[in-house]
Amino acid sequence: MLVIRLTRVGKKKQPTFRLVVQDKTRDPWGKSKDIVGNYNPRTTPKTVALKVDRIKYWMSMGAQPSPTVYNILVDQKVIAGEKVKASKGSATAGTKDAKVVEEKKK
């Protein structure tokens, strides 16, 4: 199965990302079939450069975007739809909040 996902490039503590098309089982830093864009979260506003025709081509071939890439594509109006929750969060985040609420009640 093909996936469109981010792969990190750039210097230490200065991340930039490439949007790449790969097999889902391949290492994210390994060889990719195609580079379809760049994303730099450190600039204001965040810089996104996409090859829209290539993204649409790969999606027509069955490539699925990762949740983060999906949200970037929705922001750039490449695809229509609502954003999805990109991360699951930590397993202990809910329990810590519940403990704080219980302590305040006491």
Protein backbone atom coordinates (compact mmCIF):
# COMPACT_ATOMS: atom_id res chain seq x y z
CA MET A 1 0.00 0.00 0.00
CA LEU A 2 1.28 3.46 -0.88
CA VAL A 3 1.31 6.29 1.64
CA ILE A 4 2.05 10.01 1.39
CA ARG A 5 3.90 11.05 4.54
CA LEU A 6 6.43 13.46 5.97
CA THR A 7 10.12 12.69 6.22
CA ARG A 8 12.38 14.94 8.26
CA VAL A 9 15.33 16.67 6.66
CA GLY A 10 17.41 19.63 7.75
CA LYS A 11 19.92 20.40 10.45
CA LYS A 12 19.76 19.53 14.10
CA LYS A 13 17.02 21.59 15.82
CA GLN A 14 16.06 23.11 12.45
CA PRO A 15 13.59 20.63 10.98
CA THR A 16 12.10 20.87 7.54
CA PHE A 17 10.03 18.13 6.02
CA ARG A 18 9.49 16.56 2.61
CA LEU A 19 6.19 15.06 1.53
CA VAL A 20 7.11 11.72 -0.03
CA VAL A 21 5.27 8.80 -1.59
CA GLN A 22 6.48 5.43 -0.28
CA ASP A 23 5.34 1.93 0.49
CA LYS A 24 3.82 1.89 3.96
CA THR A 25 6.29 -0.70 5.26
CA ARG A 26 9.39 1.18 4.07
CA ASP A 27 11.57 3.21 6.42
CA PRO A 28 10.48 6.90 6.32
CA TRP A 29 14.10 7.95 5.72
CA GLY A 30 14.66 5.36 2.99
CA LYS A 31 14.13 5.66 -0.73
CA SER A 32 10.86 7.11 -1.90
CA LYS A 33 8.95 6.78 -5.15
CA ASP A 34 8.35 10.52 -5.50
CA ILE A 35 8.89 13.78 -3.61
CA VAL A 36 5.63 15.73 -3.88
CA GLY A 37 6.30 18.75 -1.69
CA ASN A 38 8.10 20.52 1.14
CA TYR A 39 6.91 21.79 4.53
CA ASN A 40 8.75 24.20 6.82
CA PRO A 41 7.01 24.72 10.19
CA ARG A 42 9.68 27.13 11.49
CA THR A 43 8.78 30.08 9.29
CA THR A 44 5.97 32.52 10.02
CA PRO A 45 3.60 31.69 8.37
CA LYS A 46 4.48 28.04 7.83
CA THR A 47 5.84 27.45 4.33
CA VAL A 48 4.23 24.74 2.22
CA ALA A 49 5.23 23.99 -1.38
CA LEU A 50 3.20 21.23 -3.03
CA LYS A 51 3.13 19.56 -6.43
CA VAL A 52 -0.64 19.39 -6.57
CA ASP A 53 -0.81 17.48 -9.87
CA ARG A 54 1.55 14.77 -8.56
CA ILE A 55 -0.36 14.50 -5.26
CA LYS A 56 -3.65 14.03 -7.10
CA TYR A 57 -2.01 11.50 -9.42
CA TRP A 58 -0.67 9.39 -6.55
CA MET A 59 -3.96 9.59 -4.66
CA SER A 60 -5.74 8.35 -7.81
CA MET A 61 -3.27 5.43 -7.83
CA GLY A 62 -4.36 4.52 -4.28
CA ALA A 63 -1.88 6.39 -2.08
CA GLN A 64 -3.31 7.32 1.33
CA PRO A 65 -2.06 10.48 3.09
CA SER A 66 -0.99 10.26 6.72
CA PRO A 67 -3.19 12.23 9.15
CA THR A 68 -0.71 15.13 9.31
CA VAL A 69 -0.33 15.28 5.54
CA TYR A 70 -4.12 15.07 5.18
CA ASN A 71 -4.47 18.14 7.43
CA ILE A 72 -1.84 20.02 5.40
CA LEU A 73 -3.70 19.18 2.18
CA VAL A 74 -6.99 20.38 3.67
CA ASP A 75 -5.33 23.66 4.77
CA GLN A 76 -3.94 24.19 1.27
CA LYS A 77 -7.35 23.33 -0.27
CA VAL A 78 -5.89 20.49 -2.33
CA ILE A 79 -8.61 18.17 -1.01
CA ALA A 80 -11.96 19.02 0.52
CA GLY A 81 -12.99 17.80 3.93
CA GLU A 82 -12.60 18.26 7.64
CA LYS A 83 -9.31 17.94 9.47
CA VAL A 84 -8.66 14.73 11.37
CA LYS A 85 -7.03 14.27 14.75
CA ALA A 86 -3.39 13.65 13.89
CA SER A 87 -2.09 12.29 17.18
CA LYS A 88 -3.50 9.95 19.76
CA GLY A 89 -1.83 11.76 22.66
CA SER A 90 -0.06 10.09 25.51
CA ALA A 91 -1.65 7.20 27.37
CA THR A 92 -1.28 8.96 30.72
CA ALA A 93 -2.54 12.41 29.71
CA GLY A 94 -6.15 11.71 30.64
CA THR A 95 -5.26 10.11 33.96
CA LYS A 96 -3.09 13.05 35.03
CA ASP A 97 -5.90 15.49 34.29
CA ALA A 98 -8.36 13.36 36.24
CA LYS A 99 -6.02 13.26 39.26
CA VAL A 100 -5.65 17.06 39.22
CA VAL A 101 -9.43 17.52 39.08
CA GLU A 102 -9.94 15.10 42.00
CA GLU A 103 -7.28 16.86 44.08
CA LYS A 104 -8.97 20.23 43.54
CA LYS A 105 -12.31 18.76 44.65
CA LYS A 106 -10.80 17.67 47.97
